[in-house]
Amino acid sequence: MWERYNLSGQQAMSSGKSADAENAFRMALQEAEKIGPQDPKVAISCVNLANCLRQQGKFADAEPLYKQAIVVKEKHFGPLHHELISVLENYAKMLRAAGRDGEADKMDHKARAIFAKK
């Protein structure tokens, strides 16, 4: 079911149906959490939902999801793994859109540092 909800969310986002995408990504996150709180699918679901919320300007709702995705990916892959780069970059975009440039710069710096170690 996780795959179905995730794909449905992606298709809705591509069609500009952000409310439908948000619902599908929430369902995907619920399914992923059934697998286990540290499963990589949880991180994927968090990022997808957070990106959807960011695009709707729901920054306060998106931020904890980005943070959760970072924690899950760091635990699963390690704190300097390239899997973190896109999460950090998307989180930085949200921070910038929320007018928090200093925090965004820190996320971008961390992403660049990981990229440099690849």
N, C-alpha and C. Protein backbone atom coordinates (compact mmCIF):
# COMPACT_ATOMS: atom_id res chain seq x y z
N MET A 1 0.81 -1.20 0.00
CA MET A 1 0.00 0.00 0.00
C MET A 1 0.85 1.27 0.00
N TRP A 2 2.02 1.20 0.66
CA TRP A 2 2.87 2.39 0.72
C TRP A 2 3.20 2.88 -0.69
N GLU A 3 3.59 1.94 -1.56
CA GLU A 3 3.96 2.32 -2.92
C GLU A 3 2.80 2.99 -3.64
N ARG A 4 1.61 2.45 -3.46
CA ARG A 4 0.42 2.99 -4.12
C ARG A 4 0.14 4.43 -3.66
N TYR A 5 0.17 4.65 -2.35
CA TYR A 5 -0.08 6.00 -1.82
C TYR A 5 1.01 6.98 -2.26
N ASN A 6 2.25 6.51 -2.23
CA ASN A 6 3.36 7.38 -2.62
C ASN A 6 3.24 7.78 -4.09
N LEU A 7 2.96 6.81 -4.94
CA LEU A 7 2.80 7.09 -6.37
C LEU A 7 1.61 8.01 -6.62
N SER A 8 0.52 7.77 -5.93
CA SER A 8 -0.66 8.61 -6.06
C SER A 8 -0.34 10.05 -5.68
N GLY A 9 0.42 10.24 -4.61
CA GLY A 9 0.83 11.57 -4.19
C GLY A 9 1.70 12.26 -5.22
N GLN A 10 2.62 11.51 -5.78
CA GLN A 10 3.51 12.08 -6.80
C GLN A 10 2.72 12.49 -8.04
N GLN A 11 1.77 11.65 -8.43
CA GLN A 11 0.95 11.98 -9.60
C GLN A 11 0.08 13.21 -9.33
N ALA A 12 -0.47 13.30 -8.14
CA ALA A 12 -1.30 14.46 -7.79
C ALA A 12 -0.45 15.73 -7.78
N MET A 13 0.77 15.65 -7.25
CA MET A 13 1.66 16.81 -7.25
C MET A 13 1.96 17.26 -8.68
N SER A 14 2.23 16.29 -9.54
CA SER A 14 2.54 16.61 -10.94
C SER A 14 1.35 17.26 -11.64
N SER A 15 0.15 16.94 -11.19
CA SER A 15 -1.06 17.49 -11.78
C SER A 15 -1.51 18.78 -11.11
N GLY A 16 -0.74 19.24 -10.13
CA GLY A 16 -1.08 20.47 -9.44
C GLY A 16 -2.20 20.32 -8.42
N LYS A 17 -2.47 19.09 -8.01
CA LYS A 17 -3.53 18.82 -7.03
C LYS A 17 -2.89 18.62 -5.67
N SER A 18 -2.47 19.72 -5.07
CA SER A 18 -1.69 19.62 -3.83
C SER A 18 -2.49 19.05 -2.66
N ALA A 19 -3.77 19.33 -2.58
CA ALA A 19 -4.57 18.77 -1.47
C ALA A 19 -4.66 17.26 -1.59
N ASP A 20 -4.87 16.76 -2.81
CA ASP A 20 -4.91 15.31 -3.03
C ASP A 20 -3.54 14.69 -2.74
N ALA A 21 -2.48 15.38 -3.16
CA ALA A 21 -1.13 14.89 -2.90
C ALA A 21 -0.86 14.83 -1.41
N GLU A 22 -1.25 15.87 -0.70
CA GLU A 22 -1.05 15.90 0.75
C GLU A 22 -1.73 14.70 1.42
N ASN A 23 -2.97 14.43 1.04
CA ASN A 23 -3.70 13.29 1.62
C ASN A 23 -3.00 11.97 1.30
N ALA A 24 -2.56 11.80 0.06
CA ALA A 24 -1.89 10.56 -0.33
C ALA A 24 -0.56 10.40 0.41
N PHE A 25 0.20 11.47 0.53
CA PHE A 25 1.47 11.39 1.24
C PHE A 25 1.27 11.13 2.73
N ARG A 26 0.19 11.65 3.31
CA ARG A 26 -0.11 11.35 4.72
C ARG A 26 -0.42 9.85 4.89
N MET A 27 -1.15 9.30 3.95
CA MET A 27 -1.46 7.87 4.00
C MET A 27 -0.19 7.04 3.80
N ALA A 28 0.68 7.49 2.90
CA ALA A 28 1.95 6.78 2.69
C ALA A 28 2.79 6.80 3.96
N LEU A 29 2.81 7.93 4.65
CA LEU A 29 3.57 8.03 5.89
C LEU A 29 2.99 7.08 6.95
N GLN A 30 1.67 7.00 7.05
CA GLN A 30 1.06 6.08 8.00
C GLN A 30 1.44 4.63 7.69
N GLU A 31 1.43 4.27 6.42
CA GLU A 31 1.81 2.92 6.02
C GLU A 31 3.28 2.65 6.32
N ALA A 32 4.13 3.61 6.06
CA ALA A 32 5.56 3.44 6.30
C ALA A 32 5.85 3.28 7.79
N GLU A 33 5.14 4.03 8.61
CA GLU A 33 5.35 3.94 10.06
C GLU A 33 4.93 2.58 10.61
N LYS A 34 4.03 1.88 9.93
CA LYS A 34 3.65 0.53 10.33
C LYS A 34 4.82 -0.44 10.16
N ILE A 35 5.66 -0.18 9.17
CA ILE A 35 6.84 -1.01 8.92
C ILE A 35 7.82 -0.85 10.08
N GLY A 36 8.01 0.39 10.48
CA GLY A 36 8.91 0.70 11.58
C GLY A 36 9.30 2.16 11.54
N PRO A 37 9.50 2.79 12.70
CA PRO A 37 9.77 4.23 12.73
C PRO A 37 11.11 4.63 12.10
N GLN A 38 12.02 3.69 11.96
CA GLN A 38 13.33 4.01 11.38
C GLN A 38 13.48 3.47 9.95
N ASP A 39 12.41 2.97 9.38
CA ASP A 39 12.47 2.45 8.01
C ASP A 39 12.71 3.59 7.03
N PRO A 40 13.57 3.38 6.02
CA PRO A 40 13.82 4.44 5.03
C PRO A 40 12.56 4.97 4.35
N LYS A 41 11.51 4.16 4.25
CA LYS A 41 10.26 4.62 3.65
C LYS A 41 9.62 5.73 4.48
N VAL A 42 9.88 5.73 5.78
CA VAL A 42 9.38 6.80 6.64
C VAL A 42 10.02 8.11 6.22
N ALA A 43 11.33 8.08 6.00
CA ALA A 43 12.04 9.30 5.59
C ALA A 43 11.55 9.78 4.23
N ILE A 44 11.38 8.86 3.30
CA ILE A 44 10.88 9.23 1.96
C ILE A 44 9.50 9.88 2.08
N SER A 45 8.64 9.27 2.87
CA SER A 45 7.29 9.79 3.05
C SER A 45 7.30 11.16 3.71
N CYS A 46 8.16 11.32 4.72
CA CYS A 46 8.28 12.62 5.39
C CYS A 46 8.70 13.70 4.41
N VAL A 47 9.69 13.40 3.60
CA VAL A 47 10.20 14.39 2.64
C VAL A 47 9.13 14.72 1.60
N ASN A 48 8.46 13.71 1.08
CA ASN A 48 7.43 13.97 0.07
C ASN A 48 6.31 14.84 0.65
N LEU A 49 5.87 14.50 1.85
CA LEU A 49 4.81 15.28 2.48
C LEU A 49 5.31 16.69 2.82
N ALA A 50 6.52 16.79 3.33
CA ALA A 50 7.08 18.11 3.67
C ALA A 50 7.22 18.98 2.43
N ASN A 51 7.68 18.40 1.32
CA ASN A 51 7.80 19.18 0.08
C ASN A 51 6.43 19.67 -0.39
N CYS A 52 5.44 18.81 -0.28
CA CYS A 52 4.07 19.18 -0.65
C CYS A 52 3.58 20.34 0.22
N LEU A 53 3.80 20.22 1.52
CA LEU A 53 3.37 21.27 2.45
C LEU A 53 4.15 22.57 2.20
N ARG A 54 5.44 22.44 1.92
CA ARG A 54 6.26 23.63 1.63
C ARG A 54 5.70 24.38 0.43
N GLN A 55 5.34 23.65 -0.60
CA GLN A 55 4.81 24.28 -1.81
C GLN A 55 3.47 24.96 -1.56
N GLN A 56 2.78 24.54 -0.51
CA GLN A 56 1.51 25.17 -0.15
C GLN A 56 1.71 26.31 0.86
N GLY A 57 2.97 26.53 1.26
CA GLY A 57 3.26 27.58 2.23
C GLY A 57 2.98 27.18 3.67
N LYS A 58 2.81 25.89 3.92
CA LYS A 58 2.55 25.37 5.27
C LYS A 58 3.87 25.01 5.94
N PHE A 59 4.67 26.03 6.19
CA PHE A 59 6.03 25.81 6.68
C PHE A 59 6.06 25.19 8.07
N ALA A 60 5.18 25.62 8.95
CA ALA A 60 5.17 25.08 10.31
C ALA A 60 4.85 23.58 10.32
N ASP A 61 4.05 23.14 9.37
CA ASP A 61 3.73 21.71 9.26
C ASP A 61 4.85 20.93 8.58
N ALA A 62 5.55 21.58 7.66
CA ALA A 62 6.61 20.91 6.90
C ALA A 62 7.87 20.71 7.74
N GLU A 63 8.21 21.67 8.56
CA GLU A 63 9.49 21.63 9.27
C GLU A 63 9.72 20.37 10.10
N PRO A 64 8.76 19.95 10.95
CA PRO A 64 9.04 18.74 11.74
C PRO A 64 9.21 17.48 10.88
N LEU A 65 8.59 17.48 9.71
CA LEU A 65 8.74 16.34 8.80
C LEU A 65 10.15 16.29 8.21
N TYR A 66 10.70 17.45 7.84
CA TYR A 66 12.08 17.48 7.37
C TYR A 66 13.02 17.00 8.48
N LYS A 67 12.79 17.48 9.70
CA LYS A 67 13.63 17.08 10.82
C LYS A 67 13.55 15.57 11.07
N GLN A 68 12.34 15.03 10.99
CA GLN A 68 12.16 13.59 11.19
C GLN A 68 12.89 12.81 10.09
N ALA A 69 12.80 13.27 8.86
CA ALA A 69 13.48 12.60 7.75
C ALA A 69 14.99 12.61 7.96
N ILE A 70 15.52 13.71 8.43
CA ILE A 70 16.96 13.80 8.68
C ILE A 70 17.37 12.80 9.75
N VAL A 71 16.62 12.73 10.83
CA VAL A 71 16.94 11.79 11.92
C VAL A 71 16.92 10.35 11.42
N VAL A 72 15.88 10.00 10.68
CA VAL A 72 15.75 8.62 10.18
C VAL A 72 16.90 8.30 9.23
N LYS A 73 17.19 9.21 8.31
CA LYS A 73 18.27 8.94 7.35
C LYS A 73 19.63 8.89 8.03
N GLU A 74 19.86 9.76 9.00
CA GLU A 74 21.13 9.72 9.72
C GLU A 74 21.30 8.40 10.47
N LYS A 75 20.24 7.92 11.09
CA LYS A 75 20.31 6.65 11.82
C LYS A 75 20.49 5.47 10.87
N HIS A 76 19.84 5.53 9.72
CA HIS A 76 19.89 4.40 8.79
C HIS A 76 21.18 4.39 7.95
N PHE A 77 21.58 5.56 7.47
CA PHE A 77 22.71 5.64 6.55
C PHE A 77 23.99 6.22 7.16
N GLY A 78 23.85 6.97 8.24
CA GLY A 78 24.99 7.66 8.84
C GLY A 78 24.86 9.16 8.59
N PRO A 79 25.53 9.97 9.43
CA PRO A 79 25.35 11.43 9.37
C PRO A 79 26.00 12.12 8.18
N LEU A 80 26.84 11.42 7.44
CA LEU A 80 27.51 12.05 6.30
C LEU A 80 27.20 11.34 4.99
N HIS A 81 26.09 10.66 4.94
CA HIS A 81 25.72 9.91 3.74
C HIS A 81 25.04 10.82 2.72
N HIS A 82 25.29 10.53 1.45
CA HIS A 82 24.72 11.37 0.38
C HIS A 82 23.20 11.36 0.35
N GLU A 83 22.56 10.37 0.98
CA GLU A 83 21.09 10.34 1.05
C GLU A 83 20.52 11.56 1.77
N LEU A 84 21.34 12.21 2.57
CA LEU A 84 20.89 13.39 3.33
C LEU A 84 20.87 14.67 2.50
N ILE A 85 21.62 14.71 1.43
CA ILE A 85 21.80 15.96 0.68
C ILE A 85 20.47 16.56 0.22
N SER A 86 19.65 15.78 -0.43
CA SER A 86 18.40 16.34 -0.97
C SER A 86 17.46 16.78 0.15
N VAL A 87 17.46 16.05 1.27
CA VAL A 87 16.60 16.45 2.40
C VAL A 87 17.06 17.80 2.93
N LEU A 88 18.36 17.94 3.13
CA LEU A 88 18.91 19.20 3.64
C LEU A 88 18.64 20.35 2.67
N GLU A 89 18.78 20.10 1.38
CA GLU A 89 18.52 21.15 0.39
C GLU A 89 17.05 21.57 0.38
N ASN A 90 16.15 20.60 0.47
CA ASN A 90 14.73 20.93 0.50
C ASN A 90 14.35 21.65 1.79
N TYR A 91 14.94 21.23 2.89
CA TYR A 91 14.71 21.92 4.17
C TYR A 91 15.21 23.35 4.08
N ALA A 92 16.35 23.55 3.44
CA ALA A 92 16.90 24.91 3.26
C ALA A 92 15.94 25.76 2.42
N LYS A 93 15.35 25.19 1.39
CA LYS A 93 14.38 25.92 0.57
C LYS A 93 13.20 26.39 1.42
N MET A 94 12.73 25.50 2.30
CA MET A 94 11.62 25.86 3.17
C MET A 94 12.02 26.97 4.12
N LEU A 95 13.21 26.86 4.71
CA LEU A 95 13.68 27.88 5.63
C LEU A 95 13.81 29.23 4.93
N ARG A 96 14.31 29.24 3.71
CA ARG A 96 14.43 30.49 2.95
C ARG A 96 13.06 31.08 2.67
N ALA A 97 12.14 30.23 2.26
CA ALA A 97 10.79 30.71 1.96
C ALA A 97 10.11 31.27 3.21
N ALA A 98 10.51 30.77 4.38
CA ALA A 98 9.96 31.26 5.64
C ALA A 98 10.74 32.46 6.17
N GLY A 99 11.73 32.94 5.40
CA GLY A 99 12.50 34.11 5.80
C GLY A 99 13.57 33.82 6.84
N ARG A 100 13.99 32.57 6.91
CA ARG A 100 14.99 32.16 7.90
C ARG A 100 16.30 31.83 7.18
N ASP A 101 16.87 32.83 6.56
CA ASP A 101 18.05 32.64 5.71
C ASP A 101 19.27 32.10 6.46
N GLY A 102 19.49 32.53 7.67
CA GLY A 102 20.64 32.05 8.43
C GLY A 102 20.60 30.55 8.66
N GLU A 103 19.43 30.06 9.03
CA GLU A 103 19.26 28.62 9.23
C GLU A 103 19.37 27.87 7.90
N ALA A 104 18.84 28.47 6.85
CA ALA A 104 18.93 27.86 5.52
C ALA A 104 20.38 27.73 5.09
N ASP A 105 21.17 28.74 5.36
CA ASP A 105 22.59 28.69 5.01
C ASP A 105 23.29 27.54 5.71
N LYS A 106 22.92 27.28 6.97
CA LYS A 106 23.52 26.17 7.71
C LYS A 106 23.17 24.83 7.06
N MET A 107 21.93 24.67 6.62
CA MET A 107 21.52 23.43 5.96
C MET A 107 22.26 23.26 4.64
N ASP A 108 22.36 24.35 3.87
CA ASP A 108 23.09 24.30 2.61
C ASP A 108 24.56 23.94 2.84
N HIS A 109 25.15 24.53 3.88
CA HIS A 109 26.55 24.25 4.20
C HIS A 109 26.74 22.77 4.54
N LYS A 110 25.83 22.22 5.32
CA LYS A 110 25.92 20.81 5.69
C LYS A 110 25.77 19.92 4.45
N ALA A 111 24.84 20.28 3.57
CA ALA A 111 24.65 19.51 2.33
C ALA A 111 25.91 19.55 1.46
N ARG A 112 26.50 20.74 1.34
CA ARG A 112 27.74 20.86 0.54
C ARG A 112 28.88 20.07 1.15
N ALA A 113 28.97 20.06 2.48
CA ALA A 113 30.03 19.31 3.15
C ALA A 113 29.89 17.82 2.89
N ILE A 114 28.66 17.33 2.91
CA ILE A 114 28.43 15.90 2.62
C ILE A 114 28.78 15.62 1.17
N PHE A 115 28.36 16.50 0.27
CA PHE A 115 28.64 16.32 -1.15
C PHE A 115 30.14 16.28 -1.40
N ALA A 116 30.88 17.12 -0.73
CA ALA A 116 32.33 17.19 -0.91
C ALA A 116 33.02 15.90 -0.45
N LYS A 117 32.40 15.17 0.46
CA LYS A 117 32.99 13.94 0.98
C LYS A 117 32.66 12.72 0.12
N LYS A 118 31.78 12.89 -0.85
CA LYS A 118 31.38 11.76 -1.69
C LYS A 118 32.54 11.19 -2.45
